[in-house]
Protein backbone atom coordinates (compact mmCIF):
# COMPACT_ATOMS: atom_id res chain seq x y z
CA MET A 1 -8.87 -17.94 -20.43
CA SER A 2 -5.54 -16.20 -19.83
CA LYS A 3 -3.63 -18.86 -21.80
CA ILE A 4 -5.96 -18.44 -24.77
CA LYS A 5 -5.60 -14.66 -24.58
CA GLU A 6 -1.81 -14.88 -24.52
CA MET A 7 -1.84 -17.28 -27.47
CA LEU A 8 -4.07 -14.98 -29.52
CA LYS A 9 -1.89 -11.98 -28.73
CA LYS A 10 1.00 -13.76 -30.48
CA THR A 11 -0.96 -14.36 -33.70
CA PRO A 12 -2.24 -12.11 -36.53
CA LEU A 13 -5.58 -12.23 -34.72
CA ARG A 14 -4.23 -9.89 -32.05
CA GLN A 15 -5.89 -6.74 -33.38
CA LEU A 16 -9.19 -8.54 -33.78
CA TRP A 17 -8.84 -9.86 -30.22
CA TRP A 18 -8.41 -6.40 -28.75
CA LYS A 19 -11.37 -5.03 -30.74
CA LEU A 20 -13.58 -7.84 -29.45
CA TRP A 21 -12.28 -7.41 -25.91
CA LYS A 22 -13.30 -3.73 -25.99
CA PHE A 23 -16.77 -4.53 -27.38
CA PRO A 24 -19.23 -3.15 -24.77
CA PRO A 25 -20.80 -6.47 -23.69
CA LEU A 26 -17.40 -8.14 -23.36
CA LYS A 27 -15.96 -5.07 -21.68
CA ALA A 28 -18.80 -5.13 -19.14
CA LEU A 29 -18.22 -8.83 -18.55
CA ARG A 30 -14.52 -8.24 -18.04
CA LYS A 31 -15.26 -5.44 -15.55
CA TYR A 32 -17.70 -7.64 -13.66
CA ARG A 33 -15.21 -10.51 -13.44
CA GLY A 34 -12.49 -8.09 -12.34
CA GLU A 35 -14.65 -6.68 -9.56
CA LYS A 36 -15.52 -10.17 -8.34
CA LYS A 37 -11.85 -11.15 -8.24
CA ARG A 38 -11.04 -7.94 -6.40
CA ASP A 39 -13.77 -8.62 -3.85
CA GLN A 40 -12.43 -12.11 -3.30
CA LEU A 41 -8.91 -10.83 -2.71
CA LEU A 42 -9.79 -7.94 -0.43
CA PHE A 43 -12.66 -9.46 1.51
CA HIS A 44 -11.28 -12.98 1.89
CA THR A 45 -7.81 -13.92 0.57
CA PHE A 46 -5.75 -11.07 2.03
CA PRO A 47 -7.54 -10.83 5.41
CA LYS A 48 -7.27 -14.61 5.79
CA ALA A 49 -3.50 -14.49 5.22
CA TYR A 50 -3.13 -11.75 7.82
CA ASP A 51 -5.52 -13.27 10.37
CA SER A 52 -3.74 -16.61 10.25
CA HIS A 53 -0.84 -14.99 12.17
CA ARG A 54 -2.34 -12.00 13.98
CA THR A 55 -2.75 -13.84 17.30
CA GLU A 56 0.96 -14.60 17.47
CA PRO A 57 3.16 -12.43 19.73
CA LEU A 58 3.99 -8.97 18.37
CA ASP A 59 7.64 -8.52 17.43
CA GLU A 60 8.66 -5.16 18.92
CA ARG A 61 11.78 -5.03 16.73
CA LYS A 62 10.17 -5.83 13.39
CA VAL A 63 9.96 -2.95 10.90
CA ILE A 64 8.44 -3.55 7.45
CA PHE A 65 8.86 -1.36 4.35
CA ILE A 66 6.37 -1.97 1.52
CA GLU A 67 7.13 -1.02 -2.09
CA LEU A 68 3.99 -1.37 -4.20
CA SER A 69 5.44 -1.16 -7.73
CA LEU A 70 9.15 -0.37 -7.85
CA PRO A 71 11.85 -3.07 -8.14
CA ALA A 72 14.00 -1.82 -5.25
CA LEU A 73 13.74 0.27 -2.11
CA SER A 74 12.82 3.74 -3.35
CA ASN A 75 14.09 7.17 -2.40
CA SER A 76 10.92 7.64 -0.34
CA PHE A 77 12.31 5.12 2.16
CA ARG A 78 16.06 5.13 1.67
CA VAL A 79 17.20 7.83 4.14
CA LEU A 80 15.02 6.53 6.94
CA TYR A 81 15.88 2.90 6.20
CA ASP A 82 19.62 3.64 6.21
CA GLU A 83 19.32 5.49 9.51
CA LEU A 84 17.57 2.52 11.13
CA GLU A 85 19.97 -0.01 9.63
CA GLN A 86 23.14 1.85 10.59
CA ASN A 87 22.26 3.18 14.03
CA TYR A 88 19.52 1.01 15.53
CA ASP A 89 18.99 -2.65 16.35
CA PHE A 90 15.67 -3.19 14.57
CA ASP A 91 14.77 -6.15 12.35
CA LEU A 92 14.14 -4.58 8.93
CA HIS A 93 12.06 -6.34 6.25
CA VAL A 94 11.47 -5.06 2.69
CA TYR A 95 8.66 -6.30 0.44
CA LEU A 96 8.63 -5.53 -3.29
CA LEU A 97 5.09 -6.31 -4.47
CA ARG A 98 5.65 -5.18 -8.09
CA LYS A 99 1.98 -4.55 -8.82
CA ASN A 100 1.36 -4.32 -12.60
CA PHE A 101 4.90 -5.56 -13.28
CA VAL A 102 4.49 -9.24 -12.37
CA SER A 103 1.67 -11.67 -13.10
CA ALA A 104 -1.49 -11.47 -10.99
CA ARG A 105 -0.65 -14.84 -9.45
CA GLU A 106 2.84 -13.70 -8.43
CA TYR A 107 1.52 -10.41 -7.07
CA ILE A 108 -1.00 -12.24 -4.88
CA ARG A 109 1.70 -14.60 -3.64
CA ARG A 110 3.92 -11.68 -2.66
CA CYS A 111 1.03 -9.93 -0.90
CA LYS A 112 0.15 -13.02 1.12
CA GLU A 113 3.78 -13.44 2.15
CA LEU A 114 3.86 -9.80 3.25
CA LEU A 115 0.61 -10.03 5.22
CA LYS A 116 1.65 -13.10 7.16
CA ASP A 117 4.79 -11.23 8.21
CA ALA A 118 2.98 -7.93 8.84
CA ALA A 119 0.60 -9.62 11.29
CA THR A 120 3.36 -9.67 13.92
CA ALA A 121 5.16 -6.41 13.00
CA LYS A 122 5.21 -3.47 15.38
CA TYR A 123 6.06 -0.93 12.65
CA ILE A 124 5.07 -0.68 8.98
CA PHE A 125 6.07 2.04 6.49
CA VAL A 126 4.30 2.64 3.18
CA ALA A 127 4.75 5.36 0.56
CA GLU A 128 1.83 4.76 -1.80
CA ALA A 129 -1.87 4.01 -1.68
CA SER A 130 -2.55 0.32 -1.33
CA GLU A 131 -5.53 -1.88 -0.65
CA VAL A 132 -3.23 -4.56 0.74
CA LEU A 133 -3.22 -3.04 4.23
CA SER A 134 -6.46 -1.08 3.98
CA CYS A 135 -8.60 -4.21 3.60
CA LEU A 136 -7.48 -5.59 6.97
CA ASP A 137 -8.78 -5.46 10.50
CA MET A 138 -5.30 -4.68 11.79
CA ARG A 139 -4.15 -5.25 15.34
CA PRO A 140 -4.11 -1.92 17.20
CA GLU A 141 -0.53 -2.30 18.44
CA THR A 142 0.92 -1.94 14.94
CA VAL A 143 2.07 1.54 13.94
CA VAL A 144 1.47 2.21 10.23
CA THR A 145 3.18 5.31 8.82
CA GLN A 146 2.39 6.68 5.38
CA LEU A 147 5.47 8.60 4.20
CA TRP A 148 3.92 9.21 0.76
CA HIS A 149 6.08 9.45 -2.34
CA ALA A 150 5.65 13.14 -3.10
CA CYS A 151 6.06 16.51 -1.44
CA GLY A 152 3.60 19.37 -1.51
CA ALA A 153 0.11 19.10 -2.99
CA PHE A 154 0.05 19.53 -6.77
CA LYS A 155 -2.14 17.24 -8.87
CA LYS A 156 -5.05 15.58 -7.09
CA PHE A 157 -4.85 11.99 -5.91
CA GLY A 158 -6.80 9.45 -3.92
CA GLU A 159 -10.40 10.27 -3.09
CA SER A 160 -9.90 13.83 -4.36
CA THR A 161 -10.16 12.31 -7.87
CA ALA A 162 -13.31 10.26 -7.17
CA ASN A 163 -15.34 12.39 -9.62
CA LEU A 164 -12.57 12.66 -12.22
CA ILE A 165 -11.31 10.27 -14.89
CA PHE A 166 -8.18 9.20 -12.99
CA GLY A 167 -8.36 6.43 -10.41
CA TYR A 168 -11.39 4.81 -8.81
CA ASN A 169 -14.84 6.35 -8.43
CA ALA A 170 -16.51 7.20 -5.12
CA GLU A 171 -18.41 3.91 -5.01
CA GLN A 172 -15.24 1.89 -5.51
CA TYR A 173 -13.40 3.83 -2.80
CA ALA A 174 -16.28 3.25 -0.41
CA ARG A 175 -16.28 -0.47 -1.12
CA HIS A 176 -12.51 -0.88 -0.98
CA PRO A 177 -10.80 2.02 0.87
CA MET A 178 -7.18 2.71 -0.02
CA TYR A 179 -6.07 4.77 2.98
CA ARG A 180 -7.25 2.96 6.10
CA ASN A 181 -5.27 1.85 9.14
CA TYR A 182 -2.79 4.74 9.18
CA THR A 183 -1.33 5.88 12.47
CA HIS A 184 0.68 8.74 10.95
CA VAL A 185 0.85 10.52 7.58
CA THR A 186 3.93 12.74 7.21
CA VAL A 187 3.84 15.78 4.91
CA SER A 188 6.13 18.62 3.87
CA SER A 189 4.33 21.64 5.37
CA PRO A 190 1.33 22.71 7.47
CA GLU A 191 -0.16 24.38 4.38
CA ILE A 192 -1.08 21.06 2.74
CA VAL A 193 -2.49 19.05 5.66
CA TRP A 194 -6.02 19.70 4.37
CA ALA A 195 -5.25 18.23 0.93
CA TYR A 196 -3.94 14.94 2.32
CA ALA A 197 -6.84 14.69 4.75
CA GLU A 198 -9.21 15.11 1.80
CA ALA A 199 -7.38 12.69 -0.50
CA MET A 200 -7.14 9.99 2.17
CA ASN A 201 -10.66 10.54 3.52
CA LEU A 202 -9.41 11.32 7.03
CA LYS A 203 -12.37 13.44 8.06
CA GLY A 204 -12.42 13.52 11.84
CA LYS A 205 -8.85 12.16 11.96
CA GLU A 206 -6.98 15.10 10.45
CA GLU A 207 -4.63 15.07 13.44
CA ILE A 208 -2.80 12.01 12.10
CA VAL A 209 -1.47 14.15 9.21
CA LYS A 210 1.78 15.49 10.65
CA PRO A 211 3.73 18.33 8.95
CA VAL A 212 7.10 17.08 10.19
CA GLY A 213 8.78 17.03 6.78
CA VAL A 214 9.64 14.44 4.15
CA SER A 215 12.50 12.13 5.04
CA ARG A 216 14.15 11.87 1.64
CA THR A 217 14.59 15.65 1.33
CA ASP A 218 17.23 15.55 4.06
CA VAL A 219 19.86 14.60 1.48
CA PHE A 220 19.54 17.97 -0.27
CA PHE A 221 21.03 19.67 2.79
CA ARG A 222 24.20 17.57 2.72
CA GLU A 223 27.20 18.93 0.83
CA GLN A 224 28.45 15.40 0.24
CA THR A 225 25.23 14.58 -1.60
CA ILE A 226 25.79 17.49 -4.01
CA GLN A 227 29.39 16.49 -4.69
CA GLU A 228 28.48 12.85 -5.25
CA ALA A 229 25.66 13.85 -7.58
CA PHE A 230 28.08 15.70 -9.87
CA GLY A 231 30.40 12.71 -9.70
CA HIS A 232 27.58 10.42 -10.84
CA LEU A 233 26.65 12.81 -13.64
CA TYR A 234 30.14 13.01 -15.09
CA GLU A 235 30.67 9.28 -14.67
CA LYS A 236 27.54 8.51 -16.71
CA PHE A 237 27.83 11.44 -19.14
CA PRO A 238 31.45 12.65 -19.32
CA THR A 239 30.80 15.09 -22.15
CA ALA A 240 28.38 17.05 -19.92
CA LYS A 241 31.32 18.39 -17.93
CA GLY A 242 31.68 22.14 -18.31
CA LYS A 243 28.11 22.60 -19.53
CA LYS A 244 25.00 23.84 -17.72
CA ILE A 245 22.26 21.30 -17.18
CA ILE A 246 18.63 21.58 -18.32
CA LEU A 247 16.61 18.83 -16.66
CA PHE A 248 13.44 17.69 -18.43
CA ALA A 249 11.44 15.59 -15.96
CA PRO A 250 7.75 15.21 -16.83
CA THR A 251 5.19 13.13 -14.98
CA PHE A 252 3.28 10.31 -16.64
CA ARG A 253 -0.05 10.46 -18.48
CA GLY A 254 -2.94 8.04 -18.22
CA ARG A 255 -3.45 5.28 -15.70
CA VAL A 256 -0.66 3.77 -13.63
CA ALA A 257 -0.76 0.37 -15.35
CA ARG A 258 -0.30 1.96 -18.80
CA ALA A 259 1.70 5.05 -17.89
CA ALA A 260 2.82 7.08 -20.92
CA THR A 261 5.21 10.03 -21.15
CA PRO A 262 5.29 13.20 -23.30
CA ASP A 263 7.18 12.96 -26.59
CA CYS A 264 6.85 16.55 -27.85
CA PHE A 265 10.04 18.08 -26.44
CA ASP A 266 11.94 19.55 -29.41
CA PHE A 267 15.54 18.51 -28.77
CA GLU A 268 16.73 19.84 -32.12
CA ALA A 269 15.36 23.32 -31.42
CA PHE A 270 16.98 23.36 -27.98
CA TYR A 271 20.28 22.28 -29.52
CA ARG A 272 20.17 25.09 -32.06
CA ALA A 273 19.47 27.60 -29.30
CA PHE A 274 21.71 26.33 -26.50
CA GLY A 275 24.10 23.72 -27.88
CA GLU A 276 27.18 25.70 -26.91
CA GLU A 277 26.19 26.40 -23.30
CA TYR A 278 23.81 23.66 -22.11
CA VAL A 279 23.02 19.97 -22.30
CA VAL A 280 19.58 18.43 -21.75
CA VAL A 281 19.12 15.50 -19.37
CA THR A 282 15.79 13.67 -19.42
CA LYS A 283 14.27 11.74 -16.54
CA HIS A 284 10.91 10.08 -17.16
CA HIS A 285 8.58 8.75 -14.49
CA PRO A 286 9.65 5.30 -13.18
CA LEU A 287 6.27 3.77 -14.11
CA VAL A 288 6.75 4.59 -17.80
CA ARG A 289 7.85 1.56 -19.82
CA GLU A 290 8.22 2.96 -23.36
CA LEU A 291 10.56 5.96 -23.51
CA PRO A 292 10.47 8.49 -26.37
CA GLN A 293 13.18 8.42 -28.99
CA ILE A 294 16.07 10.89 -28.80
CA PRO A 295 17.49 12.07 -32.16
CA GLU A 296 20.46 9.82 -32.87
CA GLU A 297 22.76 12.70 -33.77
CA LEU A 298 22.13 14.39 -30.38
CA GLU A 299 22.03 11.41 -28.06
CA GLY A 300 25.15 11.28 -25.90
CA SER A 301 26.42 14.68 -27.00
CA PHE A 302 23.62 17.15 -26.21
CA VAL A 303 20.79 14.97 -24.87
CA TYR A 304 21.19 12.30 -22.21
CA ASP A 305 18.44 9.98 -20.99
CA ALA A 306 19.03 9.35 -17.31
CA THR A 307 15.74 7.57 -16.64
CA LYS A 308 17.42 4.27 -15.84
CA THR A 309 20.89 5.45 -14.85
CA MET A 310 20.55 8.31 -12.32
CA THR A 311 18.25 9.08 -9.41
CA ILE A 312 15.98 12.10 -9.48
CA GLU A 313 17.73 13.34 -6.32
CA ASP A 314 21.08 13.43 -8.13
CA LEU A 315 19.54 15.20 -11.10
CA LEU A 316 17.85 17.86 -8.99
CA CYS A 317 21.20 18.54 -7.32
CA VAL A 318 23.11 19.11 -10.56
CA SER A 319 20.50 20.89 -12.70
CA ASP A 320 20.69 24.61 -13.42
CA ILE A 321 17.15 24.71 -14.83
CA CYS A 322 14.27 22.28 -14.34
CA ILE A 323 11.53 21.81 -16.92
CA SER A 324 8.58 19.80 -15.70
CA ASP A 325 4.80 19.87 -16.11
CA TYR A 326 2.65 18.51 -13.28
CA SER A 327 5.24 16.60 -11.30
CA SER A 328 5.64 17.09 -7.56
CA LEU A 329 9.43 17.11 -7.96
CA ILE A 330 9.13 20.90 -8.28
CA PHE A 331 8.64 21.04 -4.52
CA GLU A 332 12.00 19.38 -3.87
CA TYR A 333 13.65 21.47 -6.56
CA SER A 334 12.44 24.66 -4.89
CA LEU A 335 14.84 23.90 -2.03
CA PHE A 336 17.65 24.93 -4.41
CA GLU A 337 15.89 28.21 -5.35
CA ARG A 338 16.73 27.74 -9.04
CA PRO A 339 14.68 28.50 -12.20
CA MET A 340 11.75 26.27 -13.18
CA LEU A 341 9.64 26.14 -16.33
CA PHE A 342 6.35 24.34 -16.80
CA PHE A 343 5.73 22.67 -20.17
CA ALA A 344 1.93 22.41 -19.92
CA TYR A 345 0.97 21.93 -23.56
CA ASP A 346 -1.93 19.65 -22.53
CA LEU A 347 -3.10 21.57 -19.45
CA GLU A 348 -6.85 21.39 -20.11
CA GLU A 349 -6.79 17.68 -20.87
CA TYR A 350 -4.67 16.94 -17.82
CA PHE A 351 -6.91 19.07 -15.59
CA ASP A 352 -9.94 17.07 -16.73
CA TRP A 353 -8.03 13.87 -16.02
CA ARG A 354 -6.53 14.64 -12.59
CA GLY A 355 -7.28 18.18 -11.42
CA PHE A 356 -5.13 20.30 -9.06
CA TYR A 357 -5.37 21.31 -5.42
CA TYR A 358 -4.45 24.92 -6.21
CA PRO A 359 -5.04 26.99 -9.38
CA TYR A 360 -2.25 25.91 -11.72
CA ASP A 361 -1.14 29.37 -12.85
CA GLU A 362 -1.05 30.60 -9.24
CA LEU A 363 0.81 27.55 -7.95
CA THR A 364 3.66 27.31 -10.43
CA PRO A 365 6.76 29.34 -9.38
CA GLY A 366 7.84 29.91 -12.96
CA PRO A 367 6.47 30.50 -16.46
CA VAL A 368 3.78 28.16 -17.84
CA CYS A 369 4.67 27.41 -21.47
CA ARG A 370 2.57 25.74 -24.16
CA THR A 371 5.30 25.49 -26.81
CA ASN A 372 8.99 24.76 -27.15
CA GLU A 373 9.47 28.25 -28.57
CA GLU A 374 8.14 29.85 -25.37
CA MET A 375 10.55 27.81 -23.25
CA ILE A 376 13.51 28.68 -25.45
CA ASP A 377 12.64 32.38 -25.38
CA TYR A 378 12.41 32.38 -21.57
CA ILE A 379 15.77 30.64 -21.13
CA ARG A 380 17.40 33.09 -23.55
CA HIS A 381 16.26 35.93 -21.27
CA LEU A 382 16.70 34.05 -18.01
CA ASP A 383 18.82 36.70 -16.28
CA GLU A 384 16.16 39.39 -16.49
CA ARG A 385 13.05 37.19 -16.20
CA PHE A 386 13.84 34.72 -13.42
CA ASP A 387 12.04 35.76 -10.20
CA LYS A 388 13.96 34.05 -7.38
CA GLN A 389 11.74 35.49 -4.65
CA ARG A 390 8.75 33.76 -6.22
CA VAL A 391 10.53 30.42 -5.80
CA ILE A 392 11.52 31.23 -2.21
CA ASP A 393 7.93 32.10 -1.31
CA PHE A 394 6.76 28.86 -2.92
CA LYS A 395 9.36 26.89 -0.96
CA ASN A 396 8.40 28.46 2.36
CA LYS A 397 4.72 27.76 1.76
CA PHE A 398 4.89 24.16 0.59
CA MET A 399 8.22 22.87 1.97
CA GLY A 400 8.38 24.68 5.31
CA ALA A 401 9.00 21.49 7.32
CA CYS A 402 11.83 20.25 5.08
CA ASP A 403 14.99 21.59 6.67
CA GLY A 404 17.39 18.66 6.63
CA HIS A 405 16.08 17.16 9.90
CA ALA A 406 12.81 15.55 8.81
CA THR A 407 14.06 11.99 9.39
CA GLU A 408 14.90 12.78 13.01
CA ARG A 409 11.39 14.09 13.63
CA ILE A 410 9.74 11.15 11.87
CA LEU A 411 11.75 8.63 13.92
CA GLU A 412 10.73 10.33 17.16
CA LEU A 413 7.11 10.51 16.01
CA VAL A 414 6.90 6.83 15.04
CA PHE A 415 9.14 5.11 17.60
CA GLY A 416 9.28 7.59 20.46
CA LYS A 417 12.46 8.83 22.13
CA ASP A 418 12.52 6.04 24.73
CA GLU A 419 12.27 3.25 22.12
CA LEU A 420 14.97 4.85 20.01
CA LYS A 421 17.29 4.98 23.02
CA LYS A 422 16.43 1.37 23.85
CA TYR A 423 17.43 0.09 20.41
CA ARG A 424 20.32 2.45 19.71
CA LYS A 425 23.46 0.55 18.67
């Protein structure tokens, strides 16, 4: 069937194919077949791969990092991984599953390879929701730590969205849980423990959610990181030197597999208003495949797309102003106590799709704007309108455990002081 589908997609019949494929009876059939395949994977294929090795001796030195979608080890893991690699004698394994970016057959192969290895691992780190581990009857000796890939608690996720459009429904979560087998869940502040316990359905196990901080935020407290970030900026975009930086970093829209990004930022209007003083750097969500067009006459002189060339950590370090919408990067950016704007032109639609843990207007530590004109007007009057104390209060509430030493606390939590001493190089 897949070969026929691929063949049709390459012919003039493609549009007709997609119309037929969305026809209710065919759509229902496709959903039924998809659920059956999912059941087979999660009830049989994946547990079988794991169980085939789970009786083998546990490797006390083996540490596994699992990336669900991204093509390389992400910033969620990097600080902690580097600390283990440089200073401890553990056996580190990284698995890049590339869900939604490789064929289903290749994804399954990668998962089975991971599970056979994970069956004898003492430590496993994850940073996203995944059925790959949650479908298993895991051996109790293995320590599974969910670092998560975001700080704070902004837009809803996991089982908090069970009655919303985004993600799975309650019945699907009950049949195939996404957040089982965790030993620890690390978060950025005591304030948000309740939200993660709700999203991960940890009722009765709230104590595993530990407000010890988020490992990757440690880099923001290092002067070397700031200096290197400016070096990277000027290396990639030399003409940005001497200008202030406006970062536009929106989150994606829609479902993960078809993530889209906003395309209504008016670069020409910003150039007319701020072309002498600022440049705009864009950073779209890593799951987005099709990036919006930048006006040719502004690209490389006033507007720079850093989606594929710079990390978000570097961009947060160098930006004078951050414009986002519903992205959790605002929590990290609050550590710098700089101005933020929120371009929420589709707020009602997004709320229906995802929802928020806190009232949006009360949560955001900066103006909520519906139009480009509102954003431009605020930046023009930044000196008298920016409320720094509002950002500081936001930081203290949602990032209180992020002080530059989160990685140390996470290592002690997961490995214990005695084990760390034992394997110290």
